[in-house]
Amino acid sequence: MSKIVILGSGIAGHTAASHLRRKLSKKHEVLVVSPNWNYQWIPSNIWVGIGRMQPEQIIFPLEPLYKKKGINFKQAKVVSFHPEGDDSTLPYVVVEYVFGEQKGETEKVAYDYLINATGPKLAFDLTEGLNPGTDDVYSVCTYDHAQHAASGLEKLIEKAKNSSSKLKVLIGTGHAKATCQGAAFEYILNVEQELRRRKVRDKVSIKWITNESTLGDFGMDGMLLSYQGKPMKSSDMVEMVFRDREIEWILGAGVNKIDQGKAFYENLEGEKKTEEFDFAMLIPAFSGHGFKAYDQQGGDITPKLFKGFMVVDADYTVKPYEEWTVQDWPETYQNPSYPNIFAPGIAFAPPHSISRPRKSPNGTEIFPAPPRTGMPSGITAKLVADNIIDSIKSGKESLHHRGSLGNMGAACIASAGYGLITGSGVSITTFPIVPDYKKYEKTGGRDIKKTFGDIGLAGHWVKLSLHYAFIYKAKMKPFWWLIPE
């Protein structure tokens, strides 16, 4: 019998648990450890954040589902890693219960295989004053944050109805190294449409603030894509969308402080500037959770497991940007020191950024961290699960299933406004996620036949359909596994 412990119940953790339980006999234990009681379909937080969906439409409780499917569950957070175990146990993690009678108590949880799918820490603290729900600044990173944002937006709309002067909305990234520009991009377009729907658009100015050096970078160094059969840069597409909706933008901005309705930032020219707002939604930096790891004698071996996020089979050699290649990126998400530990999704440490690193004359790094959310999280979690399944069934290590972000594509439907008739979506398919400048030298590192974009109502219908399809899949309804990651 093998025991597989999964830390985290987001897209990566839940996907891995689902596939492990479906493909392994019940004599093998699958245990999910997560501080979260609910599963949430994060891509639909955008619609919660404008009040067009309620949290109960994008979440459901995990424990009843897991109990029904034969997956064990502990509502707890991991405290430390002990990959060599001790004299009396297998390798284990120490977890702390966060709910119920056991709240505050710790426990050793032993494992044969460990999947770290803890995702990122939402590091609001790295930007002074960036506290979601205070000082008119909000977040849509979780469903409760998004609900607070919807309330803030409603207050702005009511204020705009009676205001004699234009109010100011600021949406984008709240840190010089933040990622998830895509979520902010979706939100600004949805807010813009919501203001039009509520007939106050003329009373509100909207501005995009981002650490990207160009529009449409999205932490992926931008892309050359096919739009309506013709080549178009993602920067040109985003500029077209923004100009059409009268959205202004600030590029190369590293926000470092929020105070009394003002965002303080440094730009790539080294200038220190401020931007006022009446309502803001700024994505925080993502960081590792600061986990510690110890060997059998209690010695600190954290660097073997963590480099901020978890160390996996990537090439972390420090080298100039021009020498980075797609071969640097991991394929199995296995820790090289402890082969029974894996880290799919956002939990693995990327070998380098995808966008070109940039510094201001003051030495401040201002550029996006690489995205690993959504579709890549699901794909990498499934391949990790499949390798563990193969290893258990064969009785020897198997790493047959592989997938690098350098040879993996991703499809993204960015909502540009909610509505069955009036809605819109920006559909972008990218291949590969990490550009291969040698293989696709003439098309910006990507296969333009597989990298394309479109805008329109059809995109909204696809996005809405995916909302229901992936919640169906997450609930492990009949034939759920037929829905691709």
Protein backbone atom coordinates (compact mmCIF):
# COMPACT_ATOMS: atom_id res chain seq x y z
CA MET A 1 0.00 0.00 0.00
CA SER A 2 1.21 3.52 -0.86
CA LYS A 3 0.19 6.78 0.74
CA ILE A 4 0.13 9.88 -1.43
CA VAL A 5 -0.17 13.19 0.40
CA ILE A 6 -1.20 16.27 -1.55
CA LEU A 7 -0.63 19.70 -0.05
CA GLY A 8 -3.17 22.16 -1.40
CA SER A 9 -6.61 21.88 -2.96
CA GLY A 10 -6.47 24.41 -5.77
CA ILE A 11 -6.46 23.56 -9.46
CA ALA A 12 -3.19 21.59 -9.24
CA GLY A 13 -3.85 19.80 -5.94
CA HIS A 14 -7.45 18.93 -6.68
CA THR A 15 -6.62 17.74 -10.20
CA ALA A 16 -3.86 15.46 -8.90
CA ALA A 17 -6.09 14.03 -6.16
CA SER A 18 -8.92 13.36 -8.61
CA HIS A 19 -6.78 11.44 -11.08
CA LEU A 20 -4.92 9.50 -8.38
CA ARG A 21 -8.14 8.34 -6.78
CA ARG A 22 -9.71 7.36 -10.09
CA LYS A 23 -6.74 5.29 -11.27
CA LEU A 24 -5.46 3.71 -8.04
CA SER A 25 -7.17 0.95 -6.09
CA LYS A 26 -8.60 1.81 -2.68
CA LYS A 27 -5.77 -0.03 -0.92
CA HIS A 28 -3.66 3.04 -1.70
CA GLU A 29 -4.43 6.14 0.36
CA VAL A 30 -4.89 9.57 -1.21
CA LEU A 31 -4.85 12.36 1.38
CA VAL A 32 -5.38 16.06 0.71
CA VAL A 33 -4.11 18.55 3.30
CA SER A 34 -5.40 22.08 2.80
CA PRO A 35 -6.37 25.02 5.00
CA ASN A 36 -9.25 25.70 2.60
CA TRP A 37 -12.62 24.09 3.23
CA ASN A 38 -13.93 25.07 -0.21
CA TYR A 39 -12.76 24.48 -3.74
CA GLN A 40 -13.00 27.62 -5.88
CA TRP A 41 -12.95 27.97 -9.64
CA ILE A 42 -10.56 30.93 -9.64
CA PRO A 43 -11.07 32.13 -13.26
CA SER A 44 -14.66 33.13 -12.40
CA ASN A 45 -13.56 35.37 -9.51
CA ILE A 46 -13.61 38.13 -12.13
CA TRP A 47 -17.39 37.90 -12.40
CA VAL A 48 -17.80 37.78 -8.64
CA GLY A 49 -15.70 40.94 -8.51
CA ILE A 50 -18.25 42.89 -10.56
CA GLY A 51 -21.29 41.41 -8.83
CA ARG A 52 -22.49 39.34 -11.80
CA MET A 53 -21.87 36.04 -9.96
CA GLN A 54 -22.10 35.13 -6.30
CA PRO A 55 -19.39 33.15 -4.46
CA GLU A 56 -21.68 30.12 -4.09
CA GLN A 57 -21.69 29.82 -7.89
CA ILE A 58 -17.93 29.24 -8.04
CA ILE A 59 -17.22 27.28 -4.83
CA PHE A 60 -18.27 24.01 -3.19
CA PRO A 61 -17.19 22.22 0.01
CA LEU A 62 -14.39 19.71 -0.41
CA GLU A 63 -14.81 17.32 2.51
CA PRO A 64 -18.23 15.86 1.51
CA LEU A 65 -16.97 15.28 -2.05
CA TYR A 66 -13.73 13.71 -0.87
CA LYS A 67 -15.54 11.48 1.60
CA LYS A 68 -17.84 10.26 -1.18
CA LYS A 69 -14.94 9.59 -3.56
CA GLY A 70 -12.62 7.91 -1.02
CA ILE A 71 -10.13 10.75 -0.66
CA ASN A 72 -9.05 11.58 2.88
CA PHE A 73 -8.95 15.22 3.92
CA LYS A 74 -7.34 17.28 6.68
CA GLN A 75 -8.17 20.96 7.00
CA ALA A 76 -4.69 22.01 7.98
CA LYS A 77 -1.67 23.93 6.75
CA VAL A 78 1.79 22.49 6.26
CA VAL A 79 4.39 23.81 8.69
CA SER A 80 7.62 21.99 7.82
CA PHE A 81 9.04 19.28 5.55
CA HIS A 82 11.00 16.24 6.76
CA PRO A 83 11.85 14.27 3.60
CA GLU A 84 14.17 11.83 5.42
CA GLY A 85 11.71 11.05 8.21
CA ASP A 86 13.10 10.03 11.58
CA ASP A 87 13.82 6.80 13.44
CA SER A 88 10.15 5.93 13.77
CA THR A 89 8.44 7.20 10.62
CA LEU A 90 8.58 7.42 6.87
CA PRO A 91 9.23 10.84 5.35
CA TYR A 92 6.66 13.24 6.72
CA VAL A 93 5.38 16.79 6.87
CA VAL A 94 4.27 18.57 10.01
CA VAL A 95 0.83 20.12 9.63
CA GLU A 96 -1.16 22.44 11.85
CA TYR A 97 -4.95 22.20 12.05
CA VAL A 98 -6.78 25.44 11.28
CA PHE A 99 -10.36 24.52 12.19
CA GLY A 100 -12.43 22.69 14.80
CA GLU A 101 -11.45 21.15 18.11
CA GLN A 102 -7.92 20.40 16.86
CA LYS A 103 -7.26 24.00 15.80
CA GLY A 104 -3.67 24.95 16.63
CA GLU A 105 -2.55 21.37 17.16
CA THR A 106 0.22 19.89 15.02
CA GLU A 107 0.62 16.39 13.59
CA LYS A 108 3.20 14.40 11.67
CA VAL A 109 1.75 13.18 8.37
CA ALA A 110 3.86 10.44 6.80
CA TYR A 111 3.88 9.74 3.07
CA ASP A 112 5.32 7.54 0.36
CA TYR A 113 4.80 10.25 -2.24
CA LEU A 114 4.30 13.97 -1.66
CA ILE A 115 2.77 16.47 -4.06
CA ASN A 116 3.36 20.07 -3.07
CA ALA A 117 0.53 22.02 -4.69
CA THR A 118 0.43 24.85 -2.17
CA GLY A 119 0.54 27.49 -4.88
CA PRO A 120 1.67 31.01 -4.02
CA LYS A 121 1.48 33.18 -0.97
CA LEU A 122 -0.46 36.32 -1.88
CA ALA A 123 2.28 38.69 -0.72
CA PHE A 124 0.25 41.85 -0.16
CA ASP A 125 2.77 42.74 2.56
CA LEU A 126 5.51 43.31 -0.02
CA THR A 127 3.73 46.51 -1.08
CA GLU A 128 3.17 48.96 1.76
CA GLY A 129 -0.53 49.65 2.31
CA LEU A 130 -1.74 47.06 -0.23
CA ASN A 131 -4.37 45.56 2.06
CA PRO A 132 -7.39 44.25 0.12
CA GLY A 133 -10.63 45.89 1.17
CA THR A 134 -8.98 48.95 2.76
CA ASP A 135 -8.23 52.42 1.37
CA ASP A 136 -10.46 51.72 -1.67
CA VAL A 137 -8.00 49.12 -3.00
CA TYR A 138 -9.19 45.57 -3.70
CA SER A 139 -8.16 42.15 -5.00
CA VAL A 140 -9.86 39.38 -6.98
CA CYS A 141 -7.36 36.65 -6.08
CA THR A 142 -9.87 34.78 -3.89
CA TYR A 143 -13.66 34.60 -3.93
CA ASP A 144 -13.99 36.56 -0.68
CA HIS A 145 -11.61 39.24 -1.96
CA ALA A 146 -13.65 39.40 -5.15
CA GLN A 147 -16.87 39.79 -3.17
CA HIS A 148 -15.32 42.74 -1.32
CA ALA A 149 -14.29 44.22 -4.68
CA ALA A 150 -17.86 43.95 -5.94
CA SER A 151 -19.06 45.90 -2.89
CA GLY A 152 -16.40 48.54 -3.49
CA LEU A 153 -17.38 48.80 -7.14
CA GLU A 154 -21.03 49.22 -6.19
CA LYS A 155 -20.10 52.08 -3.85
CA LEU A 156 -18.11 53.71 -6.67
CA ILE A 157 -21.08 53.45 -9.03
CA GLU A 158 -23.45 55.03 -6.50
CA LYS A 159 -20.92 57.77 -5.83
CA ALA A 160 -20.49 58.41 -9.56
CA LYS A 161 -24.24 58.94 -10.00
CA ASN A 162 -24.07 61.98 -7.73
CA SER A 163 -20.57 63.24 -8.51
CA SER A 164 -19.95 66.47 -10.37
CA SER A 165 -16.37 65.48 -11.18
CA LYS A 166 -14.89 62.37 -12.78
CA LEU A 167 -13.95 59.53 -10.45
CA LYS A 168 -10.80 57.51 -11.05
CA VAL A 169 -10.40 53.74 -11.40
CA LEU A 170 -6.94 52.16 -11.34
CA ILE A 171 -6.47 48.48 -12.18
CA GLY A 172 -3.35 46.40 -12.78
CA THR A 173 -0.34 45.13 -10.83
CA GLY A 174 0.51 46.24 -7.30
CA HIS A 175 4.18 45.24 -7.20
CA ALA A 176 7.23 45.60 -9.45
CA LYS A 177 7.49 41.80 -9.88
CA ALA A 178 3.79 40.82 -9.82
CA THR A 179 2.36 38.32 -12.26
CA CYS A 180 -1.25 37.42 -13.25
CA GLN A 181 -1.61 40.41 -15.58
CA GLY A 182 -4.28 38.35 -17.35
CA ALA A 183 -6.62 38.46 -14.34
CA ALA A 184 -6.19 42.23 -14.03
CA PHE A 185 -6.75 42.59 -17.80
CA GLU A 186 -10.01 40.68 -17.52
CA TYR A 187 -11.12 42.71 -14.55
CA ILE A 188 -10.49 46.12 -16.11
CA LEU A 189 -12.54 45.17 -19.19
CA ASN A 190 -15.38 43.84 -17.03
CA VAL A 191 -15.39 46.93 -14.84
CA GLU A 192 -15.47 49.13 -17.94
CA GLN A 193 -18.50 47.29 -19.32
CA GLU A 194 -20.21 47.29 -15.94
CA LEU A 195 -19.85 51.06 -15.71
CA ARG A 196 -21.38 51.39 -19.17
CA ARG A 197 -24.22 49.03 -18.24
CA ARG A 198 -24.92 51.10 -15.15
CA LYS A 199 -24.80 54.31 -17.23
CA VAL A 200 -21.95 56.01 -15.35
CA ARG A 201 -19.07 55.34 -17.75
CA ASP A 202 -18.85 59.02 -18.72
CA LYS A 203 -18.31 59.91 -15.07
CA VAL A 204 -15.36 57.58 -14.51
CA SER A 205 -11.86 57.53 -16.00
CA ILE A 206 -10.15 54.12 -16.14
CA LYS A 207 -6.41 53.56 -16.13
CA TRP A 208 -4.27 50.43 -16.46
CA ILE A 209 -1.05 50.34 -14.43
CA THR A 210 1.40 47.51 -15.02
CA ASN A 211 4.99 46.38 -14.54
CA GLU A 212 5.01 45.22 -18.17
CA SER A 213 7.26 47.23 -20.47
CA THR A 214 4.71 46.83 -23.28
CA LEU A 215 1.02 46.13 -23.41
CA GLY A 216 0.12 42.47 -23.87
CA ASP A 217 3.33 41.13 -22.34
CA PHE A 218 1.36 39.07 -19.77
CA GLY A 219 4.62 37.81 -18.23
CA MET A 220 5.28 35.81 -21.41
CA ASP A 221 7.34 38.38 -23.32
CA GLY A 222 4.30 39.12 -25.44
CA MET A 223 3.57 37.18 -28.59
CA LEU A 224 3.08 37.41 -32.30
CA LEU A 225 -0.31 35.89 -33.04
CA SER A 226 -2.72 35.37 -35.88
CA TYR A 227 -5.73 37.72 -35.66
CA GLN A 228 -8.40 37.41 -38.34
CA GLY A 229 -5.89 35.59 -40.51
CA LYS A 230 -3.18 38.24 -40.25
CA PRO A 231 -0.13 38.50 -37.98
CA MET A 232 -0.58 40.88 -35.06
CA LYS A 233 1.48 41.60 -31.96
CA SER A 234 -0.31 41.06 -28.66
CA SER A 235 0.70 44.62 -27.77
CA ASP A 236 -1.23 45.91 -30.78
CA MET A 237 -4.26 43.78 -29.88
CA VAL A 238 -4.38 45.03 -26.29
CA GLU A 239 -3.84 48.62 -27.41
CA MET A 240 -6.73 48.24 -29.86
CA VAL A 241 -8.97 46.89 -27.08
CA PHE A 242 -7.99 49.66 -24.66
CA ARG A 243 -8.37 52.47 -27.19
CA ASP A 244 -11.77 51.17 -28.21
CA ARG A 245 -12.87 51.36 -24.55
CA GLU A 246 -11.05 54.62 -23.76
CA ILE A 247 -8.78 53.00 -21.19
CA GLU A 248 -5.49 54.80 -20.52
CA TRP A 249 -2.32 53.00 -19.45
CA ILE A 250 0.91 53.36 -17.48
CA LEU A 251 3.71 50.95 -18.43
CA GLY A 252 6.84 49.83 -16.59
CA ALA A 253 5.44 50.79 -13.19
CA GLY A 254 6.61 49.19 -9.97
CA VAL A 255 3.99 50.09 -7.37
CA ASN A 256 5.59 50.21 -3.91
CA LYS A 257 3.08 51.98 -1.66
CA ILE A 258 -0.65 52.63 -1.30
CA ASP A 259 -1.83 55.45 0.94
CA GLN A 260 -5.03 57.54 1.09
CA GLY A 261 -6.24 56.80 -2.41
CA LYS A 262 -2.83 57.15 -4.02
CA ALA A 263 -0.56 54.58 -5.64
CA PHE A 264 3.13 55.42 -5.38
CA TYR A 265 5.35 53.85 -8.03
CA GLU A 266 8.72 53.96 -9.72
CA ASN A 267 8.93 53.63 -13.48
CA LEU A 268 11.63 52.18 -15.71
CA GLU A 269 13.05 55.67 -16.21
CA GLY A 270 13.68 55.83 -12.46
CA GLU A 271 11.04 58.50 -11.85
CA LYS A 272 9.01 58.39 -8.63
CA LYS A 273 5.36 59.11 -9.36
CA THR A 274 1.88 58.86 -7.85
CA GLU A 275 -1.51 58.02 -9.29
CA GLU A 276 -4.74 58.92 -7.51
CA PHE A 277 -7.78 56.65 -7.47
CA ASP A 278 -11.27 56.31 -6.05
CA PHE A 279 -11.31 52.55 -6.67
CA ALA A 280 -8.36 50.27 -7.39
CA MET A 281 -7.80 46.56 -7.96
CA LEU A 282 -4.11 45.69 -7.88
CA ILE A 283 -2.66 42.18 -8.15
CA PRO A 284 -0.08 41.52 -5.39
CA ALA A 285 3.28 39.83 -5.73
CA PHE A 286 3.25 36.02 -5.51
CA SER A 287 5.87 34.44 -3.28
CA GLY A 288 6.76 31.13 -1.73
CA HIS A 289 5.30 30.34 1.68
CA GLY A 290 8.63 30.38 3.50
CA PHE A 291 8.56 26.67 4.32
CA LYS A 292 11.48 25.06 6.16
CA ALA A 293 12.89 21.57 5.58
CA TYR A 294 14.96 19.39 7.91
CA ASP A 295 17.01 16.22 7.57
CA GLN A 296 16.84 13.17 9.84
CA GLN A 297 19.13 14.79 12.41
CA GLY A 298 17.14 18.04 12.43
CA GLY A 299 19.60 19.97 10.26
CA ASP A 300 18.22 22.69 8.00
CA ILE A 301 18.10 21.47 4.39
CA THR A 302 15.67 24.08 3.10
CA PRO A 303 17.83 24.93 0.02
CA LYS A 304 17.47 21.33 -1.18
CA LEU A 305 13.73 21.78 -1.41
CA PHE A 306 13.08 25.47 -1.80
CA LYS A 307 14.26 28.41 -3.82
CA GLY A 308 11.35 30.60 -2.78
CA PHE A 309 9.09 28.04 -4.45
CA MET A 310 9.98 24.33 -4.60
CA VAL A 311 13.08 23.19 -6.48
CA VAL A 312 12.31 20.74 -9.30
CA ASP A 313 14.05 19.33 -12.39
CA ALA A 314 14.85 22.73 -13.90
CA ASP A 315 18.21 24.29 -14.74
CA TYR A 316 18.68 27.01 -12.13
CA THR A 317 22.14 28.00 -13.34
CA VAL A 318 22.55 31.77 -13.19
CA LYS A 319 23.29 33.02 -16.69
CA PRO A 320 22.57 35.99 -18.96
CA TYR A 321 19.11 36.42 -20.45
CA GLU A 322 20.46 35.69 -23.94
CA GLU A 323 21.55 32.22 -22.79
CA TRP A 324 18.19 31.15 -21.34
CA THR A 325 16.48 28.41 -23.33
CA VAL A 326 13.29 26.37 -23.18
CA GLN A 327 15.44 23.41 -22.09
CA ASP A 328 15.92 25.16 -18.73
CA TRP A 329 12.29 24.48 -17.83
CA PRO A 330 11.21 21.37 -15.86
CA GLU A 331 9.49 18.38 -17.44
CA THR A 332 8.56 16.12 -14.49
CA TYR A 333 8.29 18.61 -11.56
CA GLN A 334 10.25 16.17 -9.40
CA ASN A 335 12.61 17.38 -6.69
CA PRO A 336 16.15 16.26 -7.63
CA SER A 337 17.20 15.50 -4.04
CA TYR A 338 14.07 13.59 -2.99
CA PRO A 339 12.49 11.78 -5.97
CA ASN A 340 9.21 11.04 -4.15
CA ILE A 341 8.42 14.78 -3.91
CA PHE A 342 6.79 16.73 -6.75
CA ALA A 343 5.59 20.32 -7.22
CA PRO A 344 3.21 21.05 -10.12
CA GLY A 345 1.39 24.29 -10.86
CA ILE A 346 2.50 27.52 -9.23
CA ALA A 347 4.35 25.65 -6.45
CA PHE A 348 7.50 24.98 -8.50
CA ALA A 349 10.33 27.50 -8.74
CA PRO A 350 10.72 28.73 -12.32
CA PRO A 351 14.32 28.73 -13.60
CA HIS A 352 14.00 32.31 -14.83
CA SER A 353 11.46 34.87 -15.97
CA ILE A 354 9.96 34.63 -19.44
CA SER A 355 9.78 38.37 -20.00
CA ARG A 356 13.09 40.17 -20.36
CA PRO A 357 14.36 41.38 -16.95
CA ARG A 358 14.47 45.16 -16.69
CA LYS A 359 15.82 47.57 -14.09
CA SER A 360 15.29 51.25 -13.47
CA PRO A 361 18.38 53.50 -13.21
CA ASN A 362 17.93 53.14 -9.43
CA GLY A 363 18.45 49.37 -9.68
CA THR A 364 14.80 48.45 -9.08
CA GLU A 365 13.72 45.35 -10.99
CA ILE A 366 10.44 46.04 -12.78
CA PHE A 367 9.12 43.17 -14.89
CA PRO A 368 6.50 40.40 -14.59
CA ALA A 369 7.19 37.06 -12.95
CA PRO A 370 6.30 34.06 -15.14
CA PRO A 371 2.67 32.86 -15.01
CA ARG A 372 1.96 29.20 -14.22
CA THR A 373 -1.77 29.37 -13.49
CA GLY A 374 -4.88 27.82 -15.00
CA MET A 375 -4.32 25.33 -17.80
CA PRO A 376 -0.60 24.71 -17.08
CA SER A 377 -1.46 23.96 -13.43
CA GLY A 378 -3.95 21.29 -14.43
CA ILE A 379 -1.70 19.72 -17.08
CA THR A 380 1.36 19.53 -14.83
CA ALA A 381 -0.70 18.13 -11.93
CA LYS A 382 -2.12 15.36 -14.11
CA LEU A 383 1.29 14.33 -15.46
CA VAL A 384 2.70 14.21 -11.91
CA ALA A 385 -0.24 12.05 -10.82
CA ASP A 386 0.23 9.76 -13.83
CA ASN A 387 3.93 9.27 -13.06
CA ILE A 388 3.15 8.38 -9.45
CA ILE A 389 0.43 5.97 -10.59
CA ASP A 390 2.82 4.28 -13.04
CA SER A 391 5.52 4.06 -10.38
CA ILE A 392 3.18 2.44 -7.87
CA LYS A 393 1.77 -0.04 -10.36
CA SER A 394 5.17 -1.03 -11.80
CA GLY A 395 7.00 -1.06 -8.48
CA LYS A 396 9.79 1.15 -9.83
CA GLU A 397 10.21 4.83 -10.60
CA SER A 398 8.52 5.89 -13.82
CA LEU A 399 8.80 9.35 -15.34
CA HIS A 400 7.27 8.53 -18.69
CA HIS A 401 4.84 11.45 -18.57
CA ARG A 402 6.57 14.74 -19.28
CA GLY A 403 5.55 18.25 -20.17
CA SER A 404 7.58 21.44 -20.22
CA LEU A 405 6.14 24.91 -20.54
CA GLY A 406 8.60 25.13 -23.41
CA ASN A 407 6.67 22.53 -25.43
CA MET A 408 3.23 23.05 -23.92
CA GLY A 409 0.48 25.28 -25.24
CA ALA A 410 -2.18 27.16 -23.31
CA ALA A 411 -5.59 28.50 -24.21
CA CYS A 412 -6.93 31.52 -22.36
CA ILE A 413 -10.34 33.12 -22.66
CA ALA A 414 -10.13 36.54 -21.04
CA SER A 415 -13.57 37.86 -20.23
CA ALA A 416 -14.10 41.32 -21.66
CA GLY A 417 -17.57 41.78 -20.22
CA TYR A 418 -20.40 39.64 -18.84
CA GLY A 419 -23.70 39.13 -20.69
CA LEU A 420 -25.34 36.45 -22.82
CA ILE A 421 -25.98 38.99 -25.57
CA THR A 422 -23.72 41.90 -24.67
CA GLY A 423 -20.77 39.96 -23.27
CA SER A 424 -17.37 39.66 -24.92
CA GLY A 425 -14.20 37.65 -24.59
CA VAL A 426 -10.60 37.90 -25.78
CA SER A 427 -9.55 34.42 -26.86
CA ILE A 428 -5.81 33.76 -27.03
CA THR A 429 -4.10 30.43 -27.70
CA THR A 430 -0.34 30.33 -27.21
CA PHE A 431 2.17 27.66 -28.24
CA PRO A 432 4.56 27.23 -26.58
CA ILE A 433 4.08 29.11 -23.31
CA VAL A 434 7.83 29.69 -22.94
CA PRO A 435 9.00 31.01 -26.33
CA ASP A 436 11.45 28.90 -28.29
CA TYR A 437 13.43 31.52 -30.18
CA LYS A 438 15.51 28.96 -32.05
CA LYS A 439 12.69 26.76 -33.32
CA TYR A 440 10.37 29.66 -34.11
CA GLU A 441 12.98 32.31 -34.87
CA LYS A 442 10.90 34.24 -37.40
CA THR A 443 7.68 34.41 -35.37
CA GLY A 444 8.85 35.62 -31.98
CA GLY A 445 9.51 32.20 -30.46
CA ARG A 446 6.06 30.76 -31.06
CA ASP A 447 4.24 28.74 -33.69
CA ILE A 448 1.95 31.31 -35.28
CA LYS A 449 -0.27 28.50 -36.62
CA LYS A 450 -1.08 27.59 -33.01
CA THR A 451 -0.88 31.09 -31.53
CA PHE A 452 -3.91 33.14 -32.40
CA GLY A 453 -6.42 35.57 -30.96
CA ASP A 454 -9.96 36.76 -31.45
CA ILE A 455 -12.43 39.11 -29.79
CA GLY A 456 -16.19 38.90 -29.57
CA LEU A 457 -19.36 37.48 -28.05
CA ALA A 458 -18.33 33.92 -28.91
CA GLY A 459 -15.44 34.28 -26.47
CA HIS A 460 -17.84 35.07 -23.64
CA TRP A 461 -19.95 32.01 -24.45
CA VAL A 462 -16.85 29.82 -24.42
CA LYS A 463 -15.69 31.32 -21.11
CA LEU A 464 -19.11 30.79 -19.55
CA SER A 465 -19.29 27.23 -20.89
CA LEU A 466 -15.87 26.49 -19.40
CA HIS A 467 -17.06 27.82 -16.04
CA TYR A 468 -19.79 25.17 -15.88
CA ALA A 469 -17.67 22.44 -17.49
CA PHE A 470 -14.78 22.79 -15.07
CA ILE A 471 -16.98 22.99 -11.99
CA TYR A 472 -18.66 19.79 -13.24
CA LYS A 473 -15.19 18.28 -13.66
CA ALA A 474 -14.02 19.45 -10.23
CA LYS A 475 -17.10 17.87 -8.62
CA MET A 476 -16.04 14.59 -10.25
CA LYS A 477 -19.41 14.07 -11.89
CA PRO A 478 -19.93 11.11 -14.28
CA PHE A 479 -17.21 10.93 -16.96
CA TRP A 480 -15.52 14.06 -15.59
CA TRP A 481 -12.12 12.82 -16.79
CA LEU A 482 -13.19 13.23 -20.43
CA ILE A 483 -12.98 17.01 -20.00
CA PRO A 484 -9.36 17.96 -20.78
CA GLU A 485 -7.22 19.97 -18.42
